[in-house]
N, C-alpha and C. Protein backbone atom coordinates (compact mmCIF):
# COMPACT_ATOMS: atom_id res chain seq x y z
N MET A 1 95.15 99.48 98.66
CA MET A 1 95.87 98.29 98.23
C MET A 1 96.78 98.67 97.06
N ASP A 2 98.01 98.21 97.09
CA ASP A 2 98.97 98.52 96.05
C ASP A 2 98.71 97.68 94.79
N ILE A 3 98.79 98.34 93.65
CA ILE A 3 98.58 97.69 92.37
C ILE A 3 99.91 97.61 91.64
N THR A 4 100.19 96.47 91.05
CA THR A 4 101.43 96.27 90.31
C THR A 4 101.17 96.27 88.80
N PRO A 5 102.20 96.56 88.01
CA PRO A 5 102.03 96.49 86.56
C PRO A 5 101.57 95.10 86.10
N ALA A 6 102.06 94.04 86.73
CA ALA A 6 101.67 92.69 86.34
C ALA A 6 100.17 92.46 86.56
N GLN A 7 99.61 93.01 87.63
CA GLN A 7 98.18 92.85 87.87
C GLN A 7 97.36 93.56 86.79
N VAL A 8 97.81 94.75 86.39
CA VAL A 8 97.12 95.47 85.32
C VAL A 8 97.18 94.64 84.04
N ALA A 9 98.38 94.11 83.75
CA ALA A 9 98.55 93.31 82.53
C ALA A 9 97.66 92.08 82.55
N TYR A 10 97.66 91.34 83.64
CA TYR A 10 96.86 90.11 83.70
C TYR A 10 95.37 90.40 83.59
N ARG A 11 94.92 91.50 84.18
CA ARG A 11 93.51 91.86 84.03
C ARG A 11 93.21 92.18 82.57
N GLY A 12 94.14 92.86 81.91
CA GLY A 12 93.98 93.15 80.49
C GLY A 12 93.93 91.88 79.65
N PHE A 13 94.78 90.90 80.00
CA PHE A 13 94.77 89.62 79.28
C PHE A 13 93.43 88.92 79.48
N GLN A 14 92.92 88.94 80.72
CA GLN A 14 91.63 88.30 81.00
C GLN A 14 90.52 88.91 80.15
N CYS A 15 90.63 90.20 79.86
CA CYS A 15 89.62 90.90 79.07
C CYS A 15 89.96 90.92 77.59
N ASP A 16 91.00 90.20 77.19
CA ASP A 16 91.42 90.06 75.80
C ASP A 16 91.76 91.40 75.15
N LEU A 17 92.44 92.27 75.90
CA LEU A 17 92.87 93.55 75.36
C LEU A 17 94.21 93.39 74.65
N SER A 18 94.51 94.30 73.75
CA SER A 18 95.78 94.25 73.01
C SER A 18 96.94 94.64 73.92
N ASN A 19 98.13 94.15 73.57
CA ASN A 19 99.33 94.53 74.33
C ASN A 19 99.53 96.04 74.31
N GLU A 20 99.26 96.67 73.18
CA GLU A 20 99.44 98.12 73.07
C GLU A 20 98.54 98.86 74.06
N ARG A 21 97.30 98.47 74.13
CA ARG A 21 96.37 99.14 75.06
C ARG A 21 96.79 98.91 76.50
N ILE A 22 97.20 97.68 76.82
CA ILE A 22 97.63 97.36 78.18
C ILE A 22 98.88 98.17 78.54
N LEU A 23 99.86 98.19 77.65
CA LEU A 23 101.10 98.91 77.91
C LEU A 23 100.84 100.40 78.10
N ASN A 24 100.02 100.99 77.24
CA ASN A 24 99.69 102.41 77.39
C ASN A 24 98.99 102.68 78.72
N SER A 25 98.10 101.78 79.11
CA SER A 25 97.40 101.94 80.39
C SER A 25 98.37 101.85 81.56
N ILE A 26 99.30 100.91 81.50
CA ILE A 26 100.30 100.77 82.57
C ILE A 26 101.14 102.04 82.65
N GLN A 27 101.61 102.54 81.51
CA GLN A 27 102.46 103.74 81.51
C GLN A 27 101.72 104.94 82.10
N ARG A 28 100.46 105.14 81.70
CA ARG A 28 99.68 106.25 82.24
C ARG A 28 99.49 106.10 83.75
N ALA A 29 99.19 104.89 84.19
CA ALA A 29 98.96 104.65 85.62
C ALA A 29 100.25 104.82 86.43
N LEU A 30 101.38 104.39 85.88
CA LEU A 30 102.67 104.60 86.55
C LEU A 30 102.96 106.09 86.69
N ASN A 31 102.77 106.83 85.61
CA ASN A 31 103.03 108.28 85.63
C ASN A 31 102.10 109.01 86.59
N ALA A 32 100.87 108.51 86.74
CA ALA A 32 99.90 109.14 87.64
C ALA A 32 100.05 108.67 89.08
N GLY A 33 100.91 107.68 89.32
CA GLY A 33 101.10 107.15 90.66
C GLY A 33 100.03 106.18 91.12
N ARG A 34 99.22 105.69 90.19
CA ARG A 34 98.16 104.74 90.54
C ARG A 34 98.67 103.31 90.62
N VAL A 35 99.80 103.06 89.97
CA VAL A 35 100.43 101.74 89.96
C VAL A 35 101.84 101.91 90.50
N ASN A 36 102.26 100.97 91.34
CA ASN A 36 103.59 101.03 91.94
C ASN A 36 104.66 100.55 90.98
N ARG A 37 105.77 101.26 90.95
CA ARG A 37 106.93 100.80 90.18
C ARG A 37 107.55 99.62 90.90
N PRO A 38 108.02 98.62 90.14
CA PRO A 38 108.66 97.47 90.78
C PRO A 38 109.88 97.92 91.58
N PRO A 39 110.07 97.38 92.78
CA PRO A 39 111.16 97.83 93.66
C PRO A 39 112.49 97.12 93.38
N PHE A 40 113.15 97.46 92.29
CA PHE A 40 114.44 96.86 91.99
C PHE A 40 115.55 97.76 92.50
N THR A 41 116.63 97.14 92.99
CA THR A 41 117.78 97.90 93.47
C THR A 41 119.05 97.35 92.85
N ARG A 42 120.06 98.21 92.79
CA ARG A 42 121.35 97.83 92.24
C ARG A 42 122.21 97.28 93.38
N TRP A 43 122.87 96.19 93.11
CA TRP A 43 123.74 95.58 94.10
C TRP A 43 125.14 96.12 93.91
N PRO A 44 125.96 96.33 94.90
CA PRO A 44 125.79 96.04 96.32
C PRO A 44 125.27 97.23 97.11
N GLY A 45 125.17 98.41 96.51
CA GLY A 45 124.81 99.60 97.27
C GLY A 45 123.35 99.75 97.60
N GLY A 46 122.47 99.01 96.93
CA GLY A 46 121.04 99.12 97.19
C GLY A 46 120.39 100.35 96.59
N GLU A 47 121.05 100.95 95.58
CA GLU A 47 120.48 102.12 94.92
C GLU A 47 119.28 101.70 94.09
N PRO A 48 118.19 102.49 94.14
CA PRO A 48 117.01 102.14 93.34
C PRO A 48 117.30 102.24 91.84
N ILE A 49 116.73 101.33 91.09
CA ILE A 49 116.87 101.30 89.64
C ILE A 49 115.50 101.65 89.05
N SER A 50 115.49 102.60 88.13
CA SER A 50 114.25 102.95 87.45
C SER A 50 113.92 101.83 86.45
N VAL A 51 112.75 101.26 86.58
CA VAL A 51 112.33 100.16 85.72
C VAL A 51 111.28 100.68 84.74
N HIS A 52 111.49 100.41 83.48
CA HIS A 52 110.53 100.80 82.45
C HIS A 52 109.86 99.53 81.93
N ILE A 53 108.55 99.48 82.07
CA ILE A 53 107.78 98.34 81.59
C ILE A 53 107.63 98.51 80.08
N GLY A 54 108.02 97.49 79.33
CA GLY A 54 107.97 97.58 77.88
C GLY A 54 107.28 96.39 77.24
N GLU A 55 107.29 96.40 75.94
CA GLU A 55 106.63 95.34 75.16
C GLU A 55 107.17 93.96 75.51
N SER A 56 108.47 93.86 75.78
CA SER A 56 109.04 92.55 76.11
C SER A 56 108.47 92.00 77.42
N HIS A 57 108.21 92.88 78.38
CA HIS A 57 107.58 92.44 79.63
C HIS A 57 106.20 91.86 79.33
N LEU A 58 105.42 92.60 78.54
CA LEU A 58 104.07 92.14 78.23
C LEU A 58 104.08 90.84 77.45
N ALA A 59 105.01 90.70 76.51
CA ALA A 59 105.09 89.46 75.74
C ALA A 59 105.38 88.28 76.67
N ASN A 60 106.29 88.47 77.62
CA ASN A 60 106.59 87.40 78.58
C ASN A 60 105.40 87.11 79.48
N TRP A 61 104.78 88.18 80.00
CA TRP A 61 103.63 87.97 80.88
C TRP A 61 102.47 87.31 80.13
N ARG A 62 102.24 87.70 78.86
CA ARG A 62 101.15 87.09 78.09
C ARG A 62 101.43 85.60 77.87
N GLN A 63 102.68 85.27 77.56
CA GLN A 63 103.02 83.86 77.35
C GLN A 63 102.78 83.07 78.64
N GLN A 64 103.19 83.63 79.77
CA GLN A 64 102.96 82.96 81.05
C GLN A 64 101.46 82.82 81.32
N PHE A 65 100.69 83.86 81.03
CA PHE A 65 99.24 83.83 81.21
C PHE A 65 98.63 82.72 80.37
N GLU A 66 99.05 82.64 79.09
CA GLU A 66 98.51 81.63 78.19
C GLU A 66 98.91 80.21 78.61
N GLU A 67 100.03 80.10 79.34
CA GLU A 67 100.47 78.79 79.83
C GLU A 67 99.85 78.44 81.18
N GLY A 68 98.99 79.32 81.69
CA GLY A 68 98.26 79.01 82.90
C GLY A 68 98.78 79.67 84.17
N ALA A 69 99.81 80.49 84.07
CA ALA A 69 100.31 81.20 85.25
C ALA A 69 99.23 82.15 85.74
N ASN A 70 99.24 82.43 87.02
CA ASN A 70 98.21 83.27 87.59
C ASN A 70 98.84 84.34 88.48
N VAL A 71 98.37 85.56 88.38
CA VAL A 71 98.75 86.65 89.26
C VAL A 71 97.53 86.94 90.11
N GLU A 72 97.73 87.05 91.40
CA GLU A 72 96.60 87.29 92.30
C GLU A 72 96.01 88.67 92.07
N ILE A 73 94.73 88.69 91.81
CA ILE A 73 94.00 89.94 91.64
C ILE A 73 92.80 89.88 92.59
N PRO A 74 92.92 90.52 93.76
CA PRO A 74 91.81 90.52 94.70
C PRO A 74 90.55 91.12 94.08
N ALA A 75 89.40 90.59 94.44
CA ALA A 75 88.13 91.04 93.86
C ALA A 75 87.92 92.54 94.04
N GLU A 76 88.37 93.09 95.16
CA GLU A 76 88.17 94.52 95.40
C GLU A 76 89.02 95.41 94.50
N MET A 77 89.95 94.82 93.78
CA MET A 77 90.81 95.57 92.85
C MET A 77 90.23 95.62 91.44
N THR A 78 89.31 94.75 91.12
CA THR A 78 88.83 94.61 89.75
C THR A 78 88.31 95.91 89.17
N GLU A 79 87.51 96.64 89.93
CA GLU A 79 86.93 97.89 89.41
C GLU A 79 88.03 98.91 89.09
N GLU A 80 89.01 99.05 89.98
CA GLU A 80 90.09 100.02 89.72
C GLU A 80 90.95 99.59 88.54
N LEU A 81 91.22 98.28 88.43
CA LEU A 81 91.99 97.79 87.29
C LEU A 81 91.24 98.05 85.99
N ASN A 82 89.93 97.81 85.99
CA ASN A 82 89.13 98.08 84.80
C ASN A 82 89.19 99.56 84.43
N GLU A 83 89.17 100.43 85.44
CA GLU A 83 89.25 101.87 85.19
C GLU A 83 90.62 102.24 84.60
N ILE A 84 91.68 101.68 85.17
CA ILE A 84 93.03 101.93 84.65
C ILE A 84 93.13 101.51 83.20
N LEU A 85 92.48 100.40 82.85
CA LEU A 85 92.52 99.87 81.49
C LEU A 85 91.52 100.55 80.55
N GLY A 86 90.77 101.51 81.07
CA GLY A 86 89.83 102.26 80.25
C GLY A 86 88.54 101.53 79.96
N MET A 87 88.23 100.56 80.80
CA MET A 87 86.98 99.80 80.62
C MET A 87 85.97 100.28 81.66
N VAL A 88 85.23 101.29 81.29
CA VAL A 88 84.24 101.85 82.21
C VAL A 88 82.85 101.39 81.77
N PRO A 89 81.99 101.08 82.73
CA PRO A 89 80.65 100.62 82.35
C PRO A 89 79.86 101.74 81.66
N SER A 90 79.05 101.33 80.70
CA SER A 90 78.24 102.33 79.97
C SER A 90 76.89 102.53 80.61
């Protein structure tokens, strides 16, 4: 199942993690290929655009989260998201 940066962020918000920890986790997971880069393209040619997830993305997503917005996180993804965020059971 494909994991998006927003799913990682929302799981981090649910666990009350800091934006810095969430952003670092997203960057590591993107670099490792564990999280999919958002599929943005340039118009009109359809050339792929490299998207960098930054603090402004997290600030917007956190505000939406706090206002009650929801990103679907299937139950079978929870363990992998926790691992990406560095939350491993002791």
